PDB file of N, CA and C in Angstrom:
ATOM      1  N   MET A   1      73.861 141.201  52.410  1.00  0.00           N
ATOM      2  CA  MET A   1      72.684 142.134  53.319  1.00  0.00           C
ATOM      3  C   MET A   1      72.541 143.440  52.775  1.00  0.00           C
ATOM      4  N   GLU A   2      71.351 143.852  52.255  1.00  0.00           N
ATOM      5  CA  GLU A   2      71.331 145.320  51.594  1.00  0.00           C
ATOM      6  C   GLU A   2      71.534 146.467  52.102  1.00  0.00           C
ATOM      7  N   GLU A   3      72.490 147.206  51.961  1.00  0.00           N
ATOM      8  CA  GLU A   3      72.617 148.445  53.178  1.00  0.00           C
ATOM      9  C   GLU A   3      71.380 149.293  52.976  1.00  0.00           C
ATOM     10  N   ARG A   4      71.178 149.699  54.341  1.00  0.00           N
ATOM     11  CA  ARG A   4      69.717 150.823  54.403  1.00  0.00           C
ATOM     12  C   ARG A   4      70.324 152.108  54.947  1.00  0.00           C
ATOM     13  N   THR A   5      70.063 152.770  54.301  1.00  0.00           N
ATOM     14  CA  THR A   5      70.844 153.930  54.822  1.00  0.00           C
ATOM     15  C   THR A   5      69.353 155.191  54.570  1.00  0.00           C
ATOM     16  N   TYR A   6      69.197 155.828  55.924  1.00  0.00           N
ATOM     17  CA  TYR A   6      68.080 156.680  56.046  1.00  0.00           C
ATOM     18  C   TYR A   6      68.965 158.167  55.783  1.00  0.00           C
ATOM     19  N   ASP A   7      68.347 158.922  55.140  1.00  0.00           N
ATOM     20  CA  ASP A   7      69.139 160.231  54.935  1.00  0.00           C
ATOM     21  C   ASP A   7      68.200 161.171  54.241  1.00  0.00           C
ATOM     22  N   ILE A   8      67.359 162.187  54.953  1.00  0.00           N
ATOM     23  CA  ILE A   8      66.485 163.064  54.203  1.00  0.00           C
ATOM     24  C   ILE A   8      66.656 163.690  53.175  1.00  0.00           C
ATOM     25  N   ASN A   9      67.728 164.418  53.026  1.00  0.00           N
ATOM     26  CA  ASN A   9      68.364 165.018  52.233  1.00  0.00           C
ATOM     27  C   ASN A   9      68.829 164.664  50.978  1.00  0.00           C
ATOM     28  N   LYS A  10      70.042 163.492  51.008  1.00  0.00           N
ATOM     29  CA  LYS A  10      70.482 162.707  50.065  1.00  0.00           C
ATOM     30  C   LYS A  10      69.052 162.079  49.530  1.00  0.00           C
ATOM     31  N   SER A  11      68.171 161.490  50.064  1.00  0.00           N
ATOM     32  CA  SER A  11      67.283 160.902  49.627  1.00  0.00           C
ATOM     33  C   SER A  11      66.307 161.640  48.469  1.00  0.00           C
ATOM     34  N   ILE A  12      66.185 162.694  49.203  1.00  0.00           N
ATOM     35  CA  ILE A  12      65.200 163.582  48.386  1.00  0.00           C
ATOM     36  C   ILE A  12      66.636 164.178  46.861  1.00  0.00           C
ATOM     37  N   THR A  13      67.430 164.160  46.981  1.00  0.00           N
ATOM     38  CA  THR A  13      68.258 164.522  45.859  1.00  0.00           C
ATOM     39  C   THR A  13      68.150 162.903  44.712  1.00  0.00           C
ATOM     40  N   ALA A  14      68.243 162.293  45.624  1.00  0.00           N
ATOM     41  CA  ALA A  14      68.494 160.832  44.683  1.00  0.00           C
ATOM     42  C   ALA A  14      67.281 160.357  44.130  1.00  0.00           C
ATOM     43  N   GLN A  15      65.834 160.973  44.577  1.00  0.00           N
ATOM     44  CA  GLN A  15      64.781 160.734  43.864  1.00  0.00           C
ATOM     45  C   GLN A  15      64.701 161.639  42.753  1.00  0.00           C
ATOM     46  N   GLU A  16      64.764 162.786  43.295  1.00  0.00           N
ATOM     47  CA  GLU A  16      65.124 163.802  41.780  1.00  0.00           C
ATOM     48  C   GLU A  16      65.961 163.462  40.786  1.00  0.00           C
ATOM     49  N   ARG A  17      67.545 162.951  40.896  1.00  0.00           N
ATOM     50  CA  ARG A  17      68.342 162.668  39.887  1.00  0.00           C
ATOM     51  C   ARG A  17      67.372 161.311  39.238  1.00  0.00           C
ATOM     52  N   TYR A  18      66.878 160.066  40.212  1.00  0.00           N
ATOM     53  CA  TYR A  18      66.714 159.326  39.575  1.00  0.00           C
ATOM     54  C   TYR A  18      65.249 159.386  38.529  1.00  0.00           C
ATOM     55  N   CYS A  19      64.553 160.096  38.875  1.00  0.00           N
ATOM     56  CA  CYS A  19      63.348 160.872  37.833  1.00  0.00           C
ATOM     57  C   CYS A  19      63.616 161.311  36.641  1.00  0.00           C
ATOM     58  N   LEU A  20      64.837 162.633  36.625  1.00  0.00           N
ATOM     59  CA  LEU A  20      65.635 163.228  35.871  1.00  0.00           C
ATOM     60  C   LEU A  20      66.068 162.110  34.660  1.00  0.00           C
ATOM     61  N   ASP A  21      66.898 161.466  35.446  1.00  0.00           N
ATOM     62  CA  ASP A  21      67.899 160.262  34.541  1.00  0.00           C
ATOM     63  C   ASP A  21      67.036 159.207  33.690  1.00  0.00           C
ATOM     64  N   ASN A  22      65.689 159.017  33.979  1.00  0.00           N
ATOM     65  CA  ASN A  22      64.652 158.191  33.745  1.00  0.00           C
ATOM     66  C   ASN A  22      63.728 158.983  32.864  1.00  0.00           C
ATOM     67  N   ASN A  23      63.536 160.452  33.035  1.00  0.00           N
ATOM     68  CA  ASN A  23      62.583 160.745  32.293  1.00  0.00           C
ATOM     69  C   ASN A  23      61.138 160.443  32.604  1.00  0.00           C
ATOM     70  N   LEU A  24      61.054 160.626  33.924  1.00  0.00           N
ATOM     71  CA  LEU A  24      59.813 160.061  35.074  1.00  0.00           C
ATOM     72  C   LEU A  24      59.290 161.191  35.841  1.00  0.00           C
ATOM     73  N   PRO A  25      57.913 161.619  35.649  1.00  0.00           N
ATOM     74  CA  PRO A  25      57.373 162.396  36.750  1.00  0.00           C
ATOM     75  C   PRO A  25      57.654 162.075  38.290  1.00  0.00           C
ATOM     76  N   GLN A  26      57.972 162.945  38.783  1.00  0.00           N
ATOM     77  CA  GLN A  26      58.503 163.011  40.322  1.00  0.00           C
ATOM     78  C   GLN A  26      57.204 163.233  40.784  1.00  0.00           C
ATOM     79  N   PHE A  27      56.861 162.076  41.557  1.00  0.00           N
ATOM     80  CA  PHE A  27      55.643 162.054  42.522  1.00  0.00           C
ATOM     81  C   PHE A  27      55.866 162.216  43.873  1.00  0.00           C
ATOM     82  N   ALA A  28      57.141 161.954  44.252  1.00  0.00           N
ATOM     83  CA  ALA A  28      57.057 162.493  45.855  1.00  0.00           C
ATOM     84  C   ALA A  28      57.381 163.806  46.118  1.00  0.00           C
ATOM     85  N   PRO A  29      56.801 163.930  46.931  1.00  0.00           N
ATOM     86  CA  PRO A  29      56.793 165.477  47.673  1.00  0.00           C
ATOM     87  C   PRO A  29      58.390 166.143  47.683  1.00  0.00           C
ATOM     88  N   SER A  30      58.391 167.326  47.314  1.00  0.00           N
ATOM     89  CA  SER A  30      59.562 168.101  46.911  1.00  0.00           C
ATOM     90  C   SER A  30      60.825 167.909  48.284  1.00  0.00           C
ATOM     91  N   ASP A  31      59.947 167.832  49.502  1.00  0.00           N
ATOM     92  CA  ASP A  31      60.440 168.204  50.620  1.00  0.00           C
ATOM     93  C   ASP A  31      60.162 167.095  52.062  1.00  0.00           C
ATOM     94  N   GLY A  32      59.501 166.025  50.796  1.00  0.00           N
ATOM     95  CA  GLY A  32      59.846 164.752  51.515  1.00  0.00           C
ATOM     96  C   GLY A  32      58.803 164.491  52.589  1.00  0.00           C
ATOM     97  N   ASN A  33      57.957 165.283  52.737  1.00  0.00           N
ATOM     98  CA  ASN A  33      56.570 165.244  54.054  1.00  0.00           C
ATOM     99  C   ASN A  33      55.367 164.909  53.018  1.00  0.00           C
ATOM    100  N   CYS A  34      55.088 163.729  53.849  1.00  0.00           N
ATOM    101  CA  CYS A  34      53.452 163.347  53.033  1.00  0.00           C
ATOM    102  C   CYS A  34      52.607 164.267  53.430  1.00  0.00           C
ATOM    103  N   PHE A  35      51.859 164.612  52.708  1.00  0.00           N
ATOM    104  CA  PHE A  35      50.578 165.301  52.778  1.00  0.00           C
ATOM    105  C   PHE A  35      49.168 165.243  53.476  1.00  0.00           C
ATOM    106  N   SER A  36      49.334 163.933  53.517  1.00  0.00           N
ATOM    107  CA  SER A  36      48.314 163.363  54.322  1.00  0.00           C
ATOM    108  C   SER A  36      48.293 162.859  55.840  1.00  0.00           C
ATOM    109  N   CYS A  37      49.791 162.142  56.005  1.00  0.00           N
ATOM    110  CA  CYS A  37      50.188 161.884  57.085  1.00  0.00           C
ATOM    111  C   CYS A  37      51.183 163.092  58.183  1.00  0.00           C
ATOM    112  N   LYS A  38      51.696 163.619  57.516  1.00  0.00           N
ATOM    113  CA  LYS A  38      52.740 164.427  57.846  1.00  0.00           C
ATOM    114  C   LYS A  38      53.952 164.219  58.196  1.00  0.00           C
ATOM    115  N   LYS A  39      54.166 162.958  58.064  1.00  0.00           N
ATOM    116  CA  LYS A  39      55.905 162.502  58.163  1.00  0.00           C
ATOM    117  C   LYS A  39      56.149 162.260  56.756  1.00  0.00           C
ATOM    118  N   ASN A  40      57.896 162.522  57.371  1.00  0.00           N
ATOM    119  CA  ASN A  40      58.686 162.437  55.942  1.00  0.00           C
ATOM    120  C   ASN A  40      59.049 160.962  55.800  1.00  0.00           C
ATOM    121  N   ILE A  41      58.800 160.808  54.212  1.00  0.00           N
ATOM    122  CA  ILE A  41      58.498 159.712  53.547  1.00  0.00           C
ATOM    123  C   ILE A  41      59.806 159.030  53.780  1.00  0.00           C
ATOM    124  N   TYR A  42      61.271 159.808  53.875  1.00  0.00           N
ATOM    125  CA  TYR A  42      62.522 158.894  53.994  1.00  0.00           C
ATOM    126  C   TYR A  42      63.215 158.985  55.042  1.00  0.00           C
ATOM    127  N   MET A  43      62.079 159.174  56.460  1.00  0.00           N
ATOM    128  CA  MET A  43      62.661 158.830  57.764  1.00  0.00           C
ATOM    129  C   MET A  43      62.137 157.211  57.736  1.00  0.00           C
ATOM    130  N   LYS A  44      63.141 157.040  59.094  1.00  0.00           N
ATOM    131  CA  LYS A  44      62.990 155.617  59.436  1.00  0.00           C
ATOM    132  C   LYS A  44      62.131 155.723  60.696  1.00  0.00           C
ATOM    133  N   LEU A  45      60.921 155.113  60.588  1.00  0.00           N
ATOM    134  CA  LEU A  45      59.817 154.898  61.909  1.00  0.00           C
ATOM    135  C   LEU A  45      59.764 153.097  62.161  1.00  0.00           C
ATOM    136  N   GLU A  46      59.702 152.731  63.089  1.00  0.00           N
ATOM    137  CA  GLU A  46      59.785 151.682  63.943  1.00  0.00           C
ATOM    138  C   GLU A  46      58.515 151.631  64.560  1.00  0.00           C
ATOM    139  N   ARG A  47      57.951 150.840  64.417  1.00  0.00           N
ATOM    140  CA  ARG A  47      56.447 150.842  65.300  1.00  0.00           C
ATOM    141  C   ARG A  47      56.198 149.184  65.652  1.00  0.00           C
ATOM    142  N   GLU A  48      55.813 148.998  66.594  1.00  0.00           N
ATOM    143  CA  GLU A  48      55.015 147.502  66.920  1.00  0.00           C
ATOM    144  C   GLU A  48      54.148 147.061  66.066  1.00  0.00           C
ATOM    145  N   GLU A  49      53.942 145.620  66.094  1.00  0.00           N
ATOM    146  CA  GLU A  49      52.841 144.920  65.366  1.00  0.00           C
ATOM    147  C   GLU A  49      52.020 144.076  66.191  1.00  0.00           C
ATOM    148  N   ARG A  50      50.923 144.425  66.420  1.00  0.00           N
ATOM    149  CA  ARG A  50      50.356 143.241  67.089  1.00  0.00           C
ATOM    150  C   ARG A  50      49.038 142.265  66.487  1.00  0.00           C
ATOM    151  N   ASN A  51      48.914 141.349  67.176  1.00  0.00           N
ATOM    152  CA  ASN A  51      47.561 140.531  66.892  1.00  0.00           C
ATOM    153  C   ASN A  51      46.701 141.320  66.856  1.00  0.00           C
ATOM    154  N   ARG A  52      45.472 141.321  65.687  1.00  0.00           N
ATOM    155  CA  ARG A  52      44.306 142.080  65.932  1.00  0.00           C
ATOM    156  C   ARG A  52      43.316 141.360  67.243  1.00  0.00           C
ATOM    157  N   LEU A  53      43.609 140.159  67.306  1.00  0.00           N
ATOM    158  CA  LEU A  53      42.404 139.504  68.007  1.00  0.00           C
ATOM    159  C   LEU A  53      42.955 139.583  69.265  1.00  0.00           C
ATOM    160  N   SER A  54      44.340 138.988  69.575  1.00  0.00           N
ATOM    161  CA  SER A  54      44.798 139.131  71.089  1.00  0.00           C
ATOM    162  C   SER A  54      45.493 140.167  71.485  1.00  0.00           C
ATOM    163  N   GLY A  55      45.877 141.269  70.563  1.00  0.00           N
ATOM    164  CA  GLY A  55      46.302 142.327  71.243  1.00  0.00           C
ATOM    165  C   GLY A  55      47.810 141.899  71.587  1.00  0.00           C
ATOM    166  N   GLU A  56      48.460 140.709  71.416  1.00  0.00           N
ATOM    167  CA  GLU A  56      50.025 140.508  71.332  1.00  0.00           C
ATOM    168  C   GLU A  56      50.871 140.986  70.943  1.00  0.00           C
ATOM    169  N   ILE A  57      51.847 141.599  71.377  1.00  0.00           N
ATOM    170  CA  ILE A  57      52.801 142.280  70.219  1.00  0.00           C
ATOM    171  C   ILE A  57      53.436 140.940  69.250  1.00  0.00           C
ATOM    172  N   THR A  58      53.552 141.373  68.056  1.00  0.00           N
ATOM    173  CA  THR A  58      54.016 140.163  67.279  1.00  0.00           C
ATOM    174  C   THR A  58      55.682 140.373  66.569  1.00  0.00           C
ATOM    175  N   GLY A  59      55.747 141.456  66.608  1.00  0.00           N
ATOM    176  CA  GLY A  59      57.124 142.087  66.357  1.00  0.00           C
ATOM    177  C   GLY A  59      57.529 143.529  65.892  1.00  0.00           C
ATOM    178  N   THR A  60      58.018 143.936  64.943  1.00  0.00           N
ATOM    179  CA  THR A  60      58.304 145.472  64.924  1.00  0.00           C
ATOM    180  C   THR A  60      58.532 145.588  63.321  1.00  0.00           C
ATOM    181  N   ARG A  61      58.120 146.977  63.158  1.00  0.00           N
ATOM    182  CA  ARG A  61      57.766 147.263  61.479  1.00  0.00           C
ATOM    183  C   ARG A  61      58.319 148.021  61.415  1.00  0.00           C
ATOM    184  N   ILE A  62      59.442 148.647  60.564  1.00  0.00           N
ATOM    185  CA  ILE A  62      60.030 149.191  59.749  1.00  0.00           C
ATOM    186  C   ILE A  62      59.545 150.069  58.525  1.00  0.00           C
ATOM    187  N   THR A  63      59.265 151.151  58.680  1.00  0.00           N
ATOM    188  CA  THR A  63      58.655 152.180  57.457  1.00  0.00           C
ATOM    189  C   THR A  63      59.660 153.000  57.100  1.00  0.00           C
ATOM    190  N   GLY A  64      59.542 153.482  55.617  1.00  0.00           N
ATOM    191  CA  GLY A  64      60.553 154.723  55.490  1.00  0.00           C
ATOM    192  C   GLY A  64      61.324 153.841  54.180  1.00  0.00           C
ATOM    193  N   ILE A  65      61.713 155.186  53.488  1.00  0.00           N
ATOM    194  CA  ILE A  65      62.219 155.079  51.928  1.00  0.00           C
ATOM    195  C   ILE A  65      63.541 155.413  52.389  1.00  0.00           C
ATOM    196  N   THR A  66      64.884 154.292  51.986  1.00  0.00           N
ATOM    197  CA  THR A  66      66.028 154.105  52.148  1.00  0.00           C
ATOM    198  C   THR A  66      66.489 154.790  50.604  1.00  0.00           C
ATOM    199  N   LEU A  67      67.982 155.803  51.303  1.00  0.00           N
ATOM    200  CA  LEU A  67      68.527 156.451  49.926  1.00  0.00           C
ATOM    201  C   LEU A  67      68.761 155.597  48.828  1.00  0.00           C
ATOM    202  N   GLU A  68      68.872 153.888  49.061  1.00  0.00           N
ATOM    203  CA  GLU A  68      69.237 153.078  48.118  1.00  0.00           C
ATOM    204  C   GLU A  68      67.937 153.056  47.241  1.00  0.00           C
ATOM    205  N   MET A  69      66.855 152.786  47.960  1.00  0.00           N
ATOM    206  CA  MET A  69      65.768 152.784  47.184  1.00  0.00           C
ATOM    207  C   MET A  69      65.186 153.833  46.081  1.00  0.00           C
ATOM    208  N   ALA A  70      65.683 155.192  46.938  1.00  0.00           N
ATOM    209  CA  ALA A  70      65.023 156.573  46.318  1.00  0.00           C
ATOM    210  C   ALA A  70      66.081 156.615  45.161  1.00  0.00           C
ATOM    211  N   GLY A  71      67.257 156.145  45.062  1.00  0.00           N
ATOM    212  CA  GLY A  71      67.791 156.091  43.915  1.00  0.00           C
ATOM    213  C   GLY A  71      67.871 155.321  42.890  1.00  0.00           C
ATOM    214  N   LYS A  72      66.747 154.523  43.037  1.00  0.00           N
ATOM    215  CA  LYS A  72      66.815 153.033  41.930  1.00  0.00           C
ATOM    216  C   LYS A  72      65.072 152.768  41.731  1.00  0.00           C
ATOM    217  N   GLU A  73      64.208 153.197  42.399  1.00  0.00           N
ATOM    218  CA  GLU A  73      62.887 153.187  42.401  1.00  0.00           C
ATOM    219  C   GLU A  73      62.119 154.701  42.336  1.00  0.00           C
ATOM    220  N   LEU A  74      61.202 154.270  41.539  1.00  0.00           N
ATOM    221  CA  LEU A  74      60.013 156.091  41.458  1.00  0.00           C
ATOM    222  C   LEU A  74      59.029 155.680  42.363  1.00  0.00           C
ATOM    223  N   ILE A  75      59.002 156.623  43.061  1.00  0.00           N
ATOM    224  CA  ILE A  75      58.430 156.879  44.716  1.00  0.00           C
ATOM    225  C   ILE A  75      57.131 157.326  44.317  1.00  0.00           C
ATOM    226  N   THR A  76      55.991 156.502  44.492  1.00  0.00           N
ATOM    227  CA  THR A  76      54.418 156.693  44.195  1.00  0.00           C
ATOM    228  C   THR A  76      53.487 157.340  45.579  1.00  0.00           C
ATOM    229  N   GLY A  77      54.079 156.721  46.499  1.00  0.00           N
ATOM    230  CA  GLY A  77      52.973 156.912  47.583  1.00  0.00           C
ATOM    231  C   GLY A  77      54.148 156.762  49.094  1.00  0.00           C
ATOM    232  N   CYS A  78      53.249 157.242  50.079  1.00  0.00           N
ATOM    233  CA  CYS A  78      53.829 157.273  51.643  1.00  0.00           C
ATOM    234  C   CYS A  78      54.168 155.736  51.763  1.00  0.00           C
ATOM    235  N   PRO A  79      55.139 155.352  52.475  1.00  0.00           N
ATOM    236  CA  PRO A  79      55.328 154.412  53.155  1.00  0.00           C
ATOM    237  C   PRO A  79      54.617 154.101  54.516  1.00  0.00           C
ATOM    238  N   HIS A  80      54.302 155.078  55.422  1.00  0.00           N
ATOM    239  CA  HIS A  80      54.080 154.964  56.081  1.00  0.00           C
ATOM    240  C   HIS A  80      52.276 155.029  56.477  1.00  0.00           C
ATOM    241  N   CYS A  81      51.726 155.751  55.535  1.00  0.00           N
ATOM    242  CA  CYS A  81      50.031 155.394  55.943  1.00  0.00           C
ATOM    243  C   CYS A  81      50.082 155.500  54.565  1.00  0.00           C
ATOM    244  N   CYS A  82      50.405 154.799  53.660  1.00  0.00           N
ATOM    245  CA  CYS A  82      50.293 153.956  52.275  1.00  0.00           C
ATOM    246  C   CYS A  82      49.450 155.059  50.940  1.00  0.00           C
ATOM    247  N   ARG A  83      49.272 156.366  51.335  1.00  0.00           N
ATOM    248  CA  ARG A  83      48.703 157.200  50.366  1.00  0.00           C
ATOM    249  C   ARG A  83      49.416 157.238  49.445  1.00  0.00           C
ATOM    250  N   THR A  84      48.602 156.740  48.420  1.00  0.00           N
ATOM    251  CA  THR A  84      49.501 157.286  46.931  1.00  0.00           C
ATOM    252  C   THR A  84      49.300 158.502  46.395  1.00  0.00           C
ATOM    253  N   TYR A  85      50.462 158.947  45.583  1.00  0.00           N
ATOM    254  CA  TYR A  85      50.442 160.218  45.143  1.00  0.00           C
ATOM    255  C   TYR A  85      50.421 160.591  43.448  1.00  0.00           C
ATOM    256  N   CYS A  86      49.693 159.029  43.210  1.00  0.00           N
ATOM    257  CA  CYS A  86      49.780 159.130  41.635  1.00  0.00           C
ATOM    258  C   CYS A  86      48.003 159.406  41.453  1.00  0.00           C
ATOM    259  N   ASP A  87      47.298 159.543  42.258  1.00  0.00           N
ATOM    260  CA  ASP A  87      45.813 159.656  41.373  1.00  0.00           C
ATOM    261  C   ASP A  87      45.470 161.785  41.752  1.00  0.00           C
TER     262      ASP A  87
END
C-alpha cells in the first residue's frame, strides 16, 4: 500500500524541488493556498459523498495532495475545488 503523508511545508518544498529538478514551471501556489477556494492544496480533507437523487451517504471522499505526490508529479490544479492553475 502506498504511503500517504500530508505535510504542508514539506510538500511545498517537494513540489518546488520537483519543478527545479525537471525544469518545469511551478503552477502550484507558493504557500499552498488555492486562490479560488482558499483551502490549502496539501491539506487532507474528508467529506461525505451522497447519492444525488436519494441524498443517501454513499461513502467518504478524501482530497489533498500528499507529500509523495508533490515530490513526483507536476501539480496543475486544486484537488479540493478542481480549479486549474494552468489557464
